[in-house]
Amino acid sequence: MNESAFVYTYTQVLETLRRRLREPPPARAQILSGPRQVGKTTLLGEIAADWANRAIYAPADIPEASLSGWWENLWGQAERLTVAHAAVLLIDEIQGLPDWSRLLKSKLDYIKRRRIPLHVVVSGSSALQLGLGTRESMAGRFERLRLLHWPARELVQRFQISSGAGVEQVVRFGSYPGAMVFVPDYTRWRNYINDSIVEPAIGRDVLMMETIRKPALLRQVFAVCVGHPAEIVSIQKLCGQLAERGALDTVAHYLHVLEEACLVAAIPKYSRKIVRQRAAPHKLVMLNNALLSVLGGGQEPPQAGRDPERWGRWVENACIAFAWNAGQNPCYWRTEPLEVDMVLDGSWGRWAVEIKTGPYGNRDLAGVLEFCRQNADFSPLVLCEAGYESVARQAGIAGVTWPSFLLHGLSSTPKVE
């Protein structure tokens, strides 16, 4: 795998971490961060199994970790393990330790100075993304790996399900691996998503990331985002739907915090001028479709053909979320009455993308054609249902089914036949 490629899936992160741990220790610490319930602890378990009796796994969010001497005893045990051979110390949920970055910096400097053959891997929630520790105290001492929301192909490979089942799972129930077992029982699945992911993330993780002066307002901002998947909503309109009023700057900041927590992305309008991009309304995208069901009043996820408008929104949300998680810098574009659902500018190339979940005609392609006329370095693309690719191709536009996109992205350049 190309080291410069965007690494975010479970398999990619696991392979990258294994490769780095084959380097001579002591090396830079590996900091694994990401949202809740995407498999960080399971991944550390696989690394521990690789190293067998040369590994120490220690969760830092257990009560014992707060006792005097726990930290020093842990490192003493790890150092003794290196007497006969190189070893690895795996510390899970390290953000649970007060002043963790200072403690870790001290130990990393110690093992480097003493040339102790010990690899160090720590994991934590997305709180690490904003932690000043990794930007200041830990500068030059670590490498970061982000494990983000699983794409459909990862579910297919890891759970050995069909491609169609993997795509349907991502759109209707999201891609949290731990929730897969509960899908047949919708009520139980929904409770799991709420109790194990949303509540801890909103009620604890986000509060650790930032000083949130109005936690109730933060929850309301999240709830409004859930109700408007893949919709363009201005900050002013969003504020108008909140029971608790808040300054525009505060609401905008809370949107940024939710994005850092890998819950919601406020996708900007495409513009070559940064000032205009910041001033324009944003498209709200839930970064895992499982989150769309949490505040849905118990309403089950839509199915194709039964609720076409809602189904279309969920498919569009899943496609944009997939691109965001894959590091493709998605935007949208709109100049009344024309609109482009998604503008991509990343390793997959530069694309103006229209997403269709039903029949469409040439008029529906006016937005991508006009955008590409104004921005000649972008190519038009339609994501559609199987059997409708020819409509796009007759208009001189590449066509790919959206299930294929959710499985493979744009790893190869779509062609116009």
Protein backbone atom coordinates (compact mmCIF):
# COMPACT_ATOMS: atom_id res chain seq x y z
CA MET A 1 0.00 0.00 0.00
CA ASN A 2 1.27 3.46 -0.86
CA GLU A 3 2.17 5.24 2.39
CA SER A 4 0.98 8.52 0.89
CA ALA A 5 -2.49 7.10 0.30
CA PHE A 6 -5.25 8.16 2.70
CA VAL A 7 -5.33 5.46 5.38
CA TYR A 8 -8.62 5.18 7.24
CA THR A 9 -10.23 1.73 6.94
CA TYR A 10 -9.73 -1.00 9.50
CA THR A 11 -7.69 -3.16 7.12
CA GLN A 12 -5.54 -0.24 5.92
CA VAL A 13 -4.79 0.97 9.44
CA LEU A 14 -4.01 -2.55 10.67
CA GLU A 15 -1.59 -3.20 7.78
CA THR A 16 0.08 0.19 8.21
CA LEU A 17 0.51 -0.29 11.94
CA ARG A 18 1.94 -3.79 11.49
CA ARG A 19 4.46 -2.44 8.99
CA ARG A 20 5.54 0.37 11.28
CA LEU A 21 5.97 -2.01 14.20
CA ARG A 22 8.47 -3.99 12.14
CA GLU A 23 10.80 -0.99 12.25
CA PRO A 24 13.62 -1.05 14.85
CA PRO A 25 12.44 0.23 18.25
CA PRO A 26 12.33 2.62 19.95
CA ALA A 27 10.54 4.51 17.20
CA ARG A 28 7.91 7.22 17.27
CA ALA A 29 4.77 6.40 19.22
CA GLN A 30 1.77 5.44 17.13
CA ILE A 31 -1.38 7.33 18.11
CA LEU A 32 -4.56 5.72 16.83
CA SER A 33 -7.58 8.00 16.99
CA GLY A 34 -11.11 7.92 15.65
CA PRO A 35 -14.77 7.98 16.58
CA ARG A 36 -16.39 5.53 18.96
CA GLN A 37 -17.17 1.95 18.02
CA VAL A 38 -15.15 1.71 14.81
CA GLY A 39 -12.88 -1.07 16.07
CA LYS A 40 -9.88 0.62 17.74
CA THR A 41 -9.83 -1.79 20.70
CA THR A 42 -10.32 -4.80 18.42
CA LEU A 43 -7.45 -3.62 16.25
CA LEU A 44 -5.14 -3.33 19.28
CA GLY A 45 -6.22 -6.84 20.20
CA GLU A 46 -5.04 -8.10 16.80
CA ILE A 47 -1.68 -6.38 17.30
CA ALA A 48 -1.38 -7.93 20.76
CA ALA A 49 -2.08 -11.36 19.26
CA ASP A 50 0.65 -10.78 16.65
CA TRP A 51 3.21 -10.11 19.37
CA ALA A 52 1.90 -12.80 21.77
CA ASN A 53 3.96 -12.82 24.99
CA ARG A 54 5.91 -9.76 23.82
CA ALA A 55 2.89 -7.44 24.12
CA ILE A 56 1.20 -5.67 27.02
CA TYR A 57 -2.33 -4.37 26.51
CA ALA A 58 -3.61 -1.87 29.08
CA PRO A 59 -6.94 0.01 28.98
CA ALA A 60 -6.53 3.44 30.56
CA ASP A 61 -10.23 3.98 31.17
CA ILE A 62 -10.56 1.38 33.94
CA PRO A 63 -10.85 2.41 37.64
CA GLU A 64 -7.43 0.93 38.45
CA ALA A 65 -5.77 3.41 36.10
CA SER A 66 -6.59 6.24 38.50
CA LEU A 67 -4.74 4.56 41.40
CA SER A 68 -1.34 5.81 42.50
CA GLY A 69 1.46 3.81 40.92
CA TRP A 70 -0.56 2.30 38.06
CA TRP A 71 1.25 4.27 35.36
CA GLU A 72 4.76 3.60 36.70
CA ASN A 73 4.02 -0.09 37.25
CA LEU A 74 2.78 -0.43 33.68
CA TRP A 75 5.95 1.01 32.18
CA GLY A 76 8.13 -0.97 34.58
CA GLN A 77 6.44 -4.18 33.42
CA ALA A 78 6.93 -3.18 29.78
CA GLU A 79 10.60 -2.40 30.31
CA ARG A 80 11.22 -5.78 31.98
CA LEU A 81 9.63 -7.45 28.97
CA THR A 82 12.31 -5.96 26.70
CA VAL A 83 15.22 -7.64 28.49
CA ALA A 84 15.12 -10.66 26.15
CA HIS A 85 13.50 -9.19 23.03
CA ALA A 86 11.69 -6.18 21.58
CA ALA A 87 8.18 -5.63 22.90
CA VAL A 88 5.12 -3.49 22.32
CA LEU A 89 3.04 -1.56 24.84
CA LEU A 90 -0.59 -0.93 23.80
CA ILE A 91 -2.49 1.67 25.85
CA ASP A 92 -6.17 1.94 24.99
CA GLU A 93 -8.34 5.05 25.59
CA ILE A 94 -5.38 7.02 26.88
CA GLN A 95 -7.35 10.25 26.98
CA GLY A 96 -8.92 8.90 30.18
CA LEU A 97 -5.69 9.74 32.02
CA PRO A 98 -5.35 13.31 33.29
CA ASP A 99 -2.46 15.11 31.60
CA TRP A 100 -1.83 12.06 29.43
CA SER A 101 0.35 13.89 26.90
CA ARG A 102 2.86 15.05 29.52
CA LEU A 103 3.03 11.58 31.06
CA LEU A 104 3.51 9.91 27.69
CA LYS A 105 6.11 12.44 26.53
CA SER A 106 8.20 11.76 29.62
CA LYS A 107 8.18 7.99 29.07
CA LEU A 108 8.90 8.26 25.35
CA ASP A 109 11.90 10.45 26.05
CA TYR A 110 13.06 7.95 28.67
CA ILE A 111 12.92 4.87 26.41
CA LYS A 112 14.59 6.76 23.58
CA ARG A 113 17.37 8.03 25.82
CA ARG A 114 17.94 4.53 27.25
CA ARG A 115 17.45 2.90 23.83
CA ILE A 116 14.91 0.49 25.24
CA PRO A 117 13.52 -1.73 22.40
CA LEU A 118 9.89 -0.90 23.13
CA HIS A 119 7.22 0.07 20.62
CA VAL A 120 4.40 2.23 21.98
CA VAL A 121 0.88 2.35 20.53
CA VAL A 122 -1.86 4.38 22.17
CA SER A 123 -5.47 4.82 21.12
CA GLY A 124 -8.17 7.24 22.01
CA SER A 125 -11.39 8.79 20.88
CA SER A 126 -11.46 11.68 18.45
CA ALA A 127 -10.70 13.91 21.43
CA LEU A 128 -7.08 13.33 20.46
CA GLN A 129 -7.68 15.20 17.21
CA LEU A 130 -7.98 18.51 19.07
CA GLY A 131 -5.68 17.69 21.99
CA LEU A 132 -3.02 20.29 22.48
CA GLY A 133 -0.78 17.49 23.70
CA THR A 134 -0.24 16.06 20.24
CA ARG A 135 0.39 19.49 18.79
CA GLU A 136 2.72 20.82 21.47
CA SER A 137 4.03 18.49 24.19
CA MET A 138 4.22 15.48 21.86
CA ALA A 139 5.65 17.32 18.85
CA GLY A 140 8.06 15.12 16.88
CA ARG A 141 7.45 12.07 19.05
CA PHE A 142 4.48 10.43 17.38
CA GLU A 143 2.78 9.43 14.16
CA ARG A 144 -0.99 9.56 13.91
CA LEU A 145 -3.32 7.01 12.36
CA ARG A 146 -7.03 7.71 12.03
CA LEU A 147 -9.54 4.89 11.95
CA LEU A 148 -12.74 6.32 10.50
CA HIS A 149 -16.18 4.99 9.61
CA TRP A 150 -16.15 1.72 7.70
CA PRO A 151 -16.99 1.68 3.97
CA ALA A 152 -19.22 -0.99 2.48
CA ARG A 153 -16.31 -3.05 1.14
CA GLU A 154 -14.86 -3.37 4.65
CA LEU A 155 -18.15 -4.79 5.94
CA VAL A 156 -18.24 -7.19 2.98
CA GLN A 157 -14.71 -8.43 3.64
CA ARG A 158 -14.79 -8.60 7.43
CA PHE A 159 -18.31 -9.98 7.89
CA GLN A 160 -18.31 -12.11 4.72
CA ILE A 161 -21.60 -10.74 3.41
CA SER A 162 -22.61 -10.06 -0.18
CA SER A 163 -21.79 -6.78 -1.88
CA GLY A 164 -25.50 -5.95 -2.09
CA ALA A 165 -25.96 -6.59 1.63
CA GLY A 166 -22.96 -4.43 2.42
CA VAL A 167 -24.30 -1.49 0.41
CA GLU A 168 -27.78 -1.81 1.93
CA GLN A 169 -26.24 -1.98 5.40
CA VAL A 170 -24.28 1.24 4.88
CA VAL A 171 -27.32 3.16 3.60
CA ARG A 172 -30.01 1.87 5.98
CA PHE A 173 -28.10 1.03 9.17
CA GLY A 174 -24.68 2.60 8.82
CA SER A 175 -21.37 0.82 9.26
CA TYR A 176 -20.55 0.52 12.96
CA PRO A 177 -19.14 -3.02 13.15
CA GLY A 178 -20.34 -3.68 16.69
CA ALA A 179 -23.92 -2.90 15.69
CA MET A 180 -24.10 -5.52 12.94
CA VAL A 181 -25.31 -8.26 15.26
CA PHE A 182 -28.31 -6.16 16.36
CA VAL A 183 -29.63 -5.24 12.90
CA PRO A 184 -32.36 -7.95 12.86
CA ASP A 185 -33.88 -6.36 16.00
CA TYR A 186 -34.37 -2.72 15.07
CA THR A 187 -35.27 -1.50 18.57
CA ARG A 188 -32.24 -3.18 20.10
CA TRP A 189 -30.01 -1.89 17.29
CA ARG A 190 -31.27 1.67 17.76
CA ASN A 191 -30.70 1.51 21.52
CA TYR A 192 -27.16 0.30 20.92
CA ILE A 193 -26.38 3.20 18.56
CA ASN A 194 -27.84 5.72 21.00
CA ASP A 195 -26.39 4.31 24.24
CA SER A 196 -22.98 3.15 23.01
CA ILE A 197 -22.16 5.81 20.43
CA VAL A 198 -24.24 8.98 20.43
CA GLU A 199 -24.65 9.58 24.16
CA PRO A 200 -21.00 8.92 25.09
CA ALA A 201 -19.78 10.97 22.11
CA ILE A 202 -22.04 13.98 22.74
CA GLY A 203 -22.12 13.74 26.53
CA ARG A 204 -18.46 12.95 27.22
CA ASP A 205 -16.05 12.86 24.27
CA VAL A 206 -17.02 16.21 22.80
CA LEU A 207 -16.93 17.84 26.22
CA MET A 208 -13.35 16.58 26.61
CA MET A 209 -12.39 18.11 23.28
CA GLU A 210 -13.61 21.61 23.93
CA THR A 211 -15.06 23.79 26.64
CA ILE A 212 -18.74 23.60 25.70
CA ARG A 213 -20.61 26.40 27.47
CA LYS A 214 -24.03 25.29 26.25
CA PRO A 215 -24.21 21.48 26.14
CA ALA A 216 -27.97 21.60 25.55
CA LEU A 217 -27.45 23.81 22.49
CA LEU A 218 -24.83 21.39 21.16
CA ARG A 219 -27.36 18.54 21.41
CA GLN A 220 -29.94 20.63 19.57
CA VAL A 221 -27.50 21.43 16.77
CA PHE A 222 -26.81 17.70 16.41
CA ALA A 223 -30.54 16.90 16.38
CA VAL A 224 -31.22 19.47 13.64
CA CYS A 225 -28.41 17.99 11.55
CA VAL A 226 -29.93 14.52 11.91
CA GLY A 227 -33.19 15.88 10.56
CA HIS A 228 -31.58 17.42 7.46
CA PRO A 229 -29.28 14.81 5.89
CA ALA A 230 -27.55 15.98 2.71
CA GLU A 231 -29.49 19.27 2.79
CA ILE A 232 -28.08 22.76 2.33
CA VAL A 233 -28.87 24.72 5.48
CA SER A 234 -27.60 28.17 6.40
CA ILE A 235 -26.45 28.91 9.94
CA GLN A 236 -29.30 31.41 10.22
CA LYS A 237 -31.89 28.80 9.24
CA LEU A 238 -30.32 26.26 11.57
CA CYS A 239 -30.47 28.76 14.45
CA GLY A 240 -34.14 29.36 13.67
CA GLN A 241 -34.94 25.70 14.40
CA LEU A 242 -33.25 25.66 17.81
CA ALA A 243 -35.27 25.88 21.00
CA GLU A 244 -32.31 27.50 22.75
CA ARG A 245 -31.00 30.51 20.93
CA GLY A 246 -27.30 30.88 20.38
CA ALA A 247 -25.01 33.28 18.59
CA LEU A 248 -24.26 32.39 14.98
CA ASP A 249 -20.56 32.03 15.79
CA THR A 250 -21.35 29.60 18.63
CA VAL A 251 -23.54 27.40 16.43
CA ALA A 252 -20.92 27.44 13.66
CA HIS A 253 -18.29 26.44 16.21
CA TYR A 254 -20.44 23.56 17.47
CA LEU A 255 -20.77 22.31 13.90
CA HIS A 256 -16.97 22.30 13.70
CA VAL A 257 -16.72 20.40 16.99
CA LEU A 258 -19.21 17.78 15.74
CA GLU A 259 -17.09 17.34 12.62
CA GLU A 260 -13.92 16.86 14.68
CA ALA A 261 -15.84 14.19 16.60
CA CYS A 262 -16.57 12.47 13.25
CA LEU A 263 -20.33 12.78 13.72
CA VAL A 264 -21.43 15.55 11.33
CA ALA A 265 -19.68 17.29 8.44
CA ALA A 266 -20.76 20.73 7.30
CA ILE A 267 -19.81 20.42 3.62
CA PRO A 268 -18.86 23.81 2.14
CA LYS A 269 -19.98 25.30 -1.15
CA TYR A 270 -17.31 24.98 -3.83
CA SER A 271 -15.61 28.23 -4.63
CA ARG A 272 -12.12 29.17 -5.71
CA LYS A 273 -12.40 32.13 -3.33
CA ILE A 274 -12.10 31.10 0.33
CA VAL A 275 -14.03 34.13 1.58
CA ARG A 276 -17.09 33.23 -0.49
CA GLN A 277 -16.82 29.58 0.54
CA ARG A 278 -16.91 30.46 4.24
CA ALA A 279 -19.87 32.81 3.86
CA ALA A 280 -22.08 30.35 1.95
CA PRO A 281 -24.54 27.90 3.56
CA HIS A 282 -23.27 24.39 4.24
CA LYS A 283 -24.62 20.97 3.31
CA LEU A 284 -25.15 18.89 6.45
CA VAL A 285 -23.90 15.31 6.21
CA MET A 286 -24.04 12.67 8.94
CA LEU A 287 -20.75 10.81 8.71
CA ASN A 288 -22.36 7.44 9.42
CA ASN A 289 -25.93 6.73 8.30
CA ALA A 290 -26.60 4.89 11.57
CA LEU A 291 -26.84 8.32 13.19
CA LEU A 292 -29.85 9.20 11.03
CA SER A 293 -32.05 6.75 12.92
CA VAL A 294 -31.22 7.90 16.43
CA LEU A 295 -33.64 10.82 16.57
CA GLY A 296 -36.11 9.59 13.99
CA GLY A 297 -38.95 9.05 16.45
CA GLY A 298 -38.65 5.29 16.10
CA GLN A 299 -39.22 5.39 12.34
CA GLU A 300 -37.31 2.59 10.65
CA PRO A 301 -34.77 3.34 7.90
CA PRO A 302 -36.26 3.84 4.43
CA GLN A 303 -36.32 1.16 1.79
CA ALA A 304 -35.87 1.63 -1.93
CA GLY A 305 -39.23 2.09 -3.66
CA ARG A 306 -41.28 2.72 -0.50
CA ASP A 307 -40.19 6.22 0.49
CA PRO A 308 -38.31 7.57 -2.55
CA GLU A 309 -37.62 11.08 -1.24
CA ARG A 310 -36.26 9.90 2.11
CA TRP A 311 -34.39 7.02 0.46
CA GLY A 312 -32.75 9.45 -1.96
CA ARG A 313 -31.55 11.66 0.89
CA TRP A 314 -30.08 8.69 2.75
CA VAL A 315 -28.27 7.43 -0.35
CA GLU A 316 -26.88 10.90 -1.08
CA ASN A 317 -25.80 11.26 2.56
CA ALA A 318 -24.07 7.85 2.44
CA CYS A 319 -22.20 8.73 -0.76
CA ILE A 320 -20.95 12.09 0.52
CA ALA A 321 -20.05 10.62 3.92
CA PHE A 322 -18.06 7.88 2.17
CA ALA A 323 -16.12 10.49 0.21
CA TRP A 324 -15.46 12.54 3.38
CA ASN A 325 -14.20 9.50 5.29
CA ALA A 326 -11.95 8.64 2.34
CA GLY A 327 -10.32 12.07 2.43
CA GLN A 328 -11.74 13.34 -0.86
CA ASN A 329 -12.62 16.88 0.33
CA PRO A 330 -16.27 16.89 -0.83
CA CYS A 331 -18.06 20.17 -1.50
CA TYR A 332 -21.34 21.07 -3.19
CA TRP A 333 -22.15 23.78 -5.73
CA ARG A 334 -25.28 25.82 -6.31
CA THR A 335 -26.17 28.76 -8.49
CA GLU A 336 -29.94 29.06 -8.67
CA PRO A 337 -31.60 27.15 -10.18
CA LEU A 338 -28.66 24.82 -10.82
CA GLU A 339 -26.99 22.58 -8.26
CA VAL A 340 -24.32 19.88 -8.03
CA ASP A 341 -24.79 17.31 -5.26
CA MET A 342 -21.09 16.71 -4.67
CA VAL A 343 -17.84 18.19 -5.95
CA LEU A 344 -14.78 16.00 -5.34
CA ASP A 345 -11.19 17.20 -5.35
CA GLY A 346 -8.88 14.48 -4.05
CA SER A 347 -6.94 11.37 -4.94
CA TRP A 348 -9.93 10.04 -6.92
CA GLY A 349 -9.70 13.04 -9.22
CA ARG A 350 -11.79 16.15 -9.79
CA TRP A 351 -15.45 15.37 -10.32
CA ALA A 352 -18.80 17.16 -10.34
CA VAL A 353 -21.18 14.45 -9.16
CA GLU A 354 -24.95 14.16 -9.52
CA ILE A 355 -26.55 11.43 -7.36
CA LYS A 356 -29.80 9.87 -8.64
CA THR A 357 -31.86 7.09 -7.05
CA GLY A 358 -34.59 6.93 -9.69
CA PRO A 359 -35.28 7.82 -13.32
CA TYR A 360 -33.72 11.04 -14.58
CA GLY A 361 -33.33 12.94 -17.82
CA ASN A 362 -31.09 15.48 -19.51
CA ARG A 363 -32.59 18.37 -17.56
CA ASP A 364 -31.33 16.80 -14.34
CA LEU A 365 -27.78 16.98 -15.68
CA ALA A 366 -27.76 20.73 -16.33
CA GLY A 367 -26.03 21.47 -13.01
CA VAL A 368 -22.97 19.25 -13.53
CA LEU A 369 -22.62 20.38 -17.15
CA GLU A 370 -22.73 24.07 -16.24
CA PHE A 371 -20.31 23.59 -13.35
CA CYS A 372 -17.83 21.80 -15.61
CA ARG A 373 -18.25 24.52 -18.25
CA GLN A 374 -17.19 27.08 -15.62
CA ASN A 375 -14.53 24.79 -14.13
CA ALA A 376 -12.89 22.97 -17.01
CA ASP A 377 -10.50 21.02 -14.74
CA PHE A 378 -13.47 19.01 -13.38
CA SER A 379 -15.32 16.18 -15.13
CA PRO A 380 -19.05 15.43 -14.81
CA LEU A 381 -20.21 12.14 -13.27
CA VAL A 382 -23.59 10.62 -12.47
CA LEU A 383 -24.14 8.07 -9.69
CA CYS A 384 -27.39 6.28 -10.49
CA GLU A 385 -29.39 3.07 -10.28
CA ALA A 386 -28.24 0.11 -12.33
CA GLY A 387 -29.63 0.35 -15.86
CA TYR A 388 -29.67 4.16 -15.98
CA GLU A 389 -25.98 4.72 -16.74
CA SER A 390 -26.80 5.03 -20.45
CA VAL A 391 -28.81 8.22 -19.84
CA ALA A 392 -25.68 9.95 -18.60
CA ARG A 393 -23.49 8.49 -21.31
CA GLN A 394 -25.85 9.67 -24.05
CA ALA A 395 -25.25 13.19 -22.70
CA GLY A 396 -21.48 12.65 -22.81
CA ILE A 397 -21.20 12.13 -19.04
CA ALA A 398 -19.63 9.19 -17.21
CA GLY A 399 -22.15 7.05 -15.34
CA VAL A 400 -21.50 4.72 -12.38
CA THR A 401 -24.04 3.01 -10.15
CA TRP A 402 -24.11 4.42 -6.65
CA PRO A 403 -23.81 0.90 -5.12
CA SER A 404 -20.57 0.45 -7.09
CA PHE A 405 -19.38 3.83 -5.86
CA LEU A 406 -20.09 2.90 -2.22
CA LEU A 407 -18.13 -0.32 -2.70
CA HIS A 408 -15.15 0.90 -4.71
CA GLY A 409 -15.12 4.68 -4.78
CA LEU A 410 -13.55 6.01 -7.95
CA SER A 411 -10.41 3.88 -7.84
CA SER A 412 -10.44 3.72 -11.63
CA THR A 413 -11.47 6.55 -13.92
CA PRO A 414 -15.08 6.14 -15.15
CA LYS A 415 -15.28 6.24 -18.91
CA VAL A 416 -17.92 7.60 -21.26
CA GLU A 417 -18.86 4.96 -23.81
